[in-house]
Amino acid sequence: MATEPTRALTDDGKLLFGAGFVFGVMVTLVLLGVVVAVAATNGTALPTTVVATVAGGIVFAGIVGSGLFLLAFPENRTKIPVDDVDFGVGEEE
């Protein structure tokens, strides 16, 4: 029985996975926001903290997901100057 070698995720794979995860969370939060909006239109009083938490989660997930998606492609990485030393690349151990 031959075993297949394990493949490590590339940088692109990691960034696309992260972006997909964040966008999935954002879709879930948008659906939660729709449920909150429907409950509010039915006359149910919702605490401001619930609405603020859902809105904040959607905005945060959108910003992080967009950033990860943008950085997942090499042609976009050249538009954003990043110093390799900030990420520990090129440092001596």
C-alpha atoms as a PDB file:
ATOM      1  CA  MET A   1       0.000   0.000   0.000  1.00  0.00           C
ATOM      2  CA  ALA A   2       1.600   3.253  -1.150  1.00  0.00           C
ATOM      3  CA  THR A   3       1.167   6.347   0.915  1.00  0.00           C
ATOM      4  CA  GLU A   4       0.780   9.682  -0.769  1.00  0.00           C
ATOM      5  CA  PRO A   5       3.125  12.442   0.306  1.00  0.00           C
ATOM      6  CA  THR A   6       1.489  15.136   2.358  1.00  0.00           C
ATOM      7  CA  ARG A   7       1.212  18.434   0.556  1.00  0.00           C
ATOM      8  CA  ALA A   8       1.736  21.599   2.512  1.00  0.00           C
ATOM      9  CA  LEU A   9      -0.482  24.544   1.750  1.00  0.00           C
ATOM     10  CA  THR A  10       1.165  27.227  -0.311  1.00  0.00           C
ATOM     11  CA  ASP A  11       0.874  30.902   0.571  1.00  0.00           C
ATOM     12  CA  ASP A  12      -1.883  31.239  -2.009  1.00  0.00           C
ATOM     13  CA  GLY A  13      -3.748  28.287  -0.527  1.00  0.00           C
ATOM     14  CA  LYS A  14      -3.480  29.646   3.001  1.00  0.00           C
ATOM     15  CA  LEU A  15      -4.681  33.100   1.997  1.00  0.00           C
ATOM     16  CA  LEU A  16      -7.539  31.751  -0.122  1.00  0.00           C
ATOM     17  CA  PHE A  17      -8.570  29.432   2.713  1.00  0.00           C
ATOM     18  CA  GLY A  18      -8.512  32.346   5.157  1.00  0.00           C
ATOM     19  CA  ALA A  19     -10.460  34.571   2.792  1.00  0.00           C
ATOM     20  CA  GLY A  20     -13.022  31.830   2.162  1.00  0.00           C
ATOM     21  CA  PHE A  21     -13.399  31.252   5.883  1.00  0.00           C
ATOM     22  CA  VAL A  22     -13.920  34.941   6.602  1.00  0.00           C
ATOM     23  CA  PHE A  23     -16.401  35.311   3.738  1.00  0.00           C
ATOM     24  CA  GLY A  24     -18.284  32.278   5.086  1.00  0.00           C
ATOM     25  CA  VAL A  25     -18.451  33.909   8.497  1.00  0.00           C
ATOM     26  CA  MET A  26     -19.602  37.135   6.857  1.00  0.00           C
ATOM     27  CA  VAL A  27     -22.410  35.363   5.001  1.00  0.00           C
ATOM     28  CA  THR A  28     -23.510  33.792   8.284  1.00  0.00           C
ATOM     29  CA  LEU A  29     -23.499  37.211   9.957  1.00  0.00           C
ATOM     30  CA  VAL A  30     -25.470  38.723   7.078  1.00  0.00           C
ATOM     31  CA  LEU A  31     -28.086  35.986   7.463  1.00  0.00           C
ATOM     32  CA  LEU A  32     -28.156  36.671  11.195  1.00  0.00           C
ATOM     33  CA  GLY A  33     -28.620  40.360  10.383  1.00  0.00           C
ATOM     34  CA  VAL A  34     -31.570  39.506   8.137  1.00  0.00           C
ATOM     35  CA  VAL A  35     -33.125  37.477  10.962  1.00  0.00           C
ATOM     36  CA  VAL A  36     -32.584  40.392  13.355  1.00  0.00           C
ATOM     37  CA  ALA A  37     -34.153  42.803  10.845  1.00  0.00           C
ATOM     38  CA  VAL A  38     -37.182  40.548  10.324  1.00  0.00           C
ATOM     39  CA  ALA A  39     -37.625  40.190  14.079  1.00  0.00           C
ATOM     40  CA  ALA A  40     -37.403  43.972  14.438  1.00  0.00           C
ATOM     41  CA  THR A  41     -40.034  44.584  11.765  1.00  0.00           C
ATOM     42  CA  ASN A  42     -42.421  42.255  13.577  1.00  0.00           C
ATOM     43  CA  GLY A  43     -42.525  44.685  16.475  1.00  0.00           C
ATOM     44  CA  THR A  44     -40.102  42.816  18.731  1.00  0.00           C
ATOM     45  CA  ALA A  45     -37.861  45.231  20.585  1.00  0.00           C
ATOM     46  CA  LEU A  46     -34.198  44.358  20.085  1.00  0.00           C
ATOM     47  CA  PRO A  47     -31.434  45.627  22.322  1.00  0.00           C
ATOM     48  CA  THR A  48     -29.056  48.049  20.619  1.00  0.00           C
ATOM     49  CA  THR A  49     -26.115  45.868  21.628  1.00  0.00           C
ATOM     50  CA  VAL A  50     -27.444  42.965  19.533  1.00  0.00           C
ATOM     51  CA  VAL A  51     -27.778  45.101  16.419  1.00  0.00           C
ATOM     52  CA  ALA A  52     -24.385  46.759  17.000  1.00  0.00           C
ATOM     53  CA  THR A  53     -22.676  43.381  17.473  1.00  0.00           C
ATOM     54  CA  VAL A  54     -24.107  41.959  14.246  1.00  0.00           C
ATOM     55  CA  ALA A  55     -23.256  45.121  12.266  1.00  0.00           C
ATOM     56  CA  GLY A  56     -19.746  45.254  13.718  1.00  0.00           C
ATOM     57  CA  GLY A  57     -19.163  41.586  12.899  1.00  0.00           C
ATOM     58  CA  ILE A  58     -20.243  42.099   9.299  1.00  0.00           C
ATOM     59  CA  VAL A  59     -17.971  45.118   8.851  1.00  0.00           C
ATOM     60  CA  PHE A  60     -14.992  43.405  10.519  1.00  0.00           C
ATOM     61  CA  ALA A  61     -15.387  40.191   8.509  1.00  0.00           C
ATOM     62  CA  GLY A  62     -15.741  42.203   5.304  1.00  0.00           C
ATOM     63  CA  ILE A  63     -12.529  44.146   5.932  1.00  0.00           C
ATOM     64  CA  VAL A  64     -10.474  41.091   6.927  1.00  0.00           C
ATOM     65  CA  GLY A  65     -11.901  38.911   4.154  1.00  0.00           C
ATOM     66  CA  SER A  66     -11.267  41.545   1.508  1.00  0.00           C
ATOM     67  CA  GLY A  67      -7.695  41.984   2.697  1.00  0.00           C
ATOM     68  CA  LEU A  68      -6.995  38.252   2.681  1.00  0.00           C
ATOM     69  CA  PHE A  69      -8.574  37.839  -0.736  1.00  0.00           C
ATOM     70  CA  LEU A  70      -6.559  40.751  -2.118  1.00  0.00           C
ATOM     71  CA  LEU A  71      -3.282  39.368  -0.743  1.00  0.00           C
ATOM     72  CA  ALA A  72      -3.978  35.870  -2.096  1.00  0.00           C
ATOM     73  CA  PHE A  73      -2.896  36.834  -5.602  1.00  0.00           C
ATOM     74  CA  PRO A  74       0.739  37.696  -6.394  1.00  0.00           C
ATOM     75  CA  GLU A  75      -0.172  40.471  -8.818  1.00  0.00           C
ATOM     76  CA  ASN A  76      -2.010  42.230  -5.995  1.00  0.00           C
ATOM     77  CA  ARG A  77       0.797  41.718  -3.488  1.00  0.00           C
ATOM     78  CA  THR A  78       3.106  43.884  -5.573  1.00  0.00           C
ATOM     79  CA  LYS A  79       0.701  46.796  -5.138  1.00  0.00           C
ATOM     80  CA  ILE A  80       1.015  46.612  -1.345  1.00  0.00           C
ATOM     81  CA  PRO A  81       4.556  47.266  -0.084  1.00  0.00           C
ATOM     82  CA  VAL A  82       5.475  44.714   2.569  1.00  0.00           C
ATOM     83  CA  ASP A  83       8.847  44.535   4.288  1.00  0.00           C
ATOM     84  CA  ASP A  84      10.046  40.928   4.518  1.00  0.00           C
ATOM     85  CA  VAL A  85      11.691  41.581   7.896  1.00  0.00           C
ATOM     86  CA  ASP A  86       8.255  42.307   9.385  1.00  0.00           C
ATOM     87  CA  PHE A  87       7.336  38.681   8.779  1.00  0.00           C
ATOM     88  CA  GLY A  88      10.648  37.150   9.836  1.00  0.00           C
ATOM     89  CA  VAL A  89      11.827  36.449   6.289  1.00  0.00           C
ATOM     90  CA  GLY A  90      15.522  37.036   5.821  1.00  0.00           C
ATOM     91  CA  GLU A  91      16.359  37.180   9.514  1.00  0.00           C
ATOM     92  CA  GLU A  92      19.146  35.031  10.853  1.00  0.00           C
ATOM     93  CA  GLU A  93      18.166  32.592  13.550  1.00  0.00           C
END
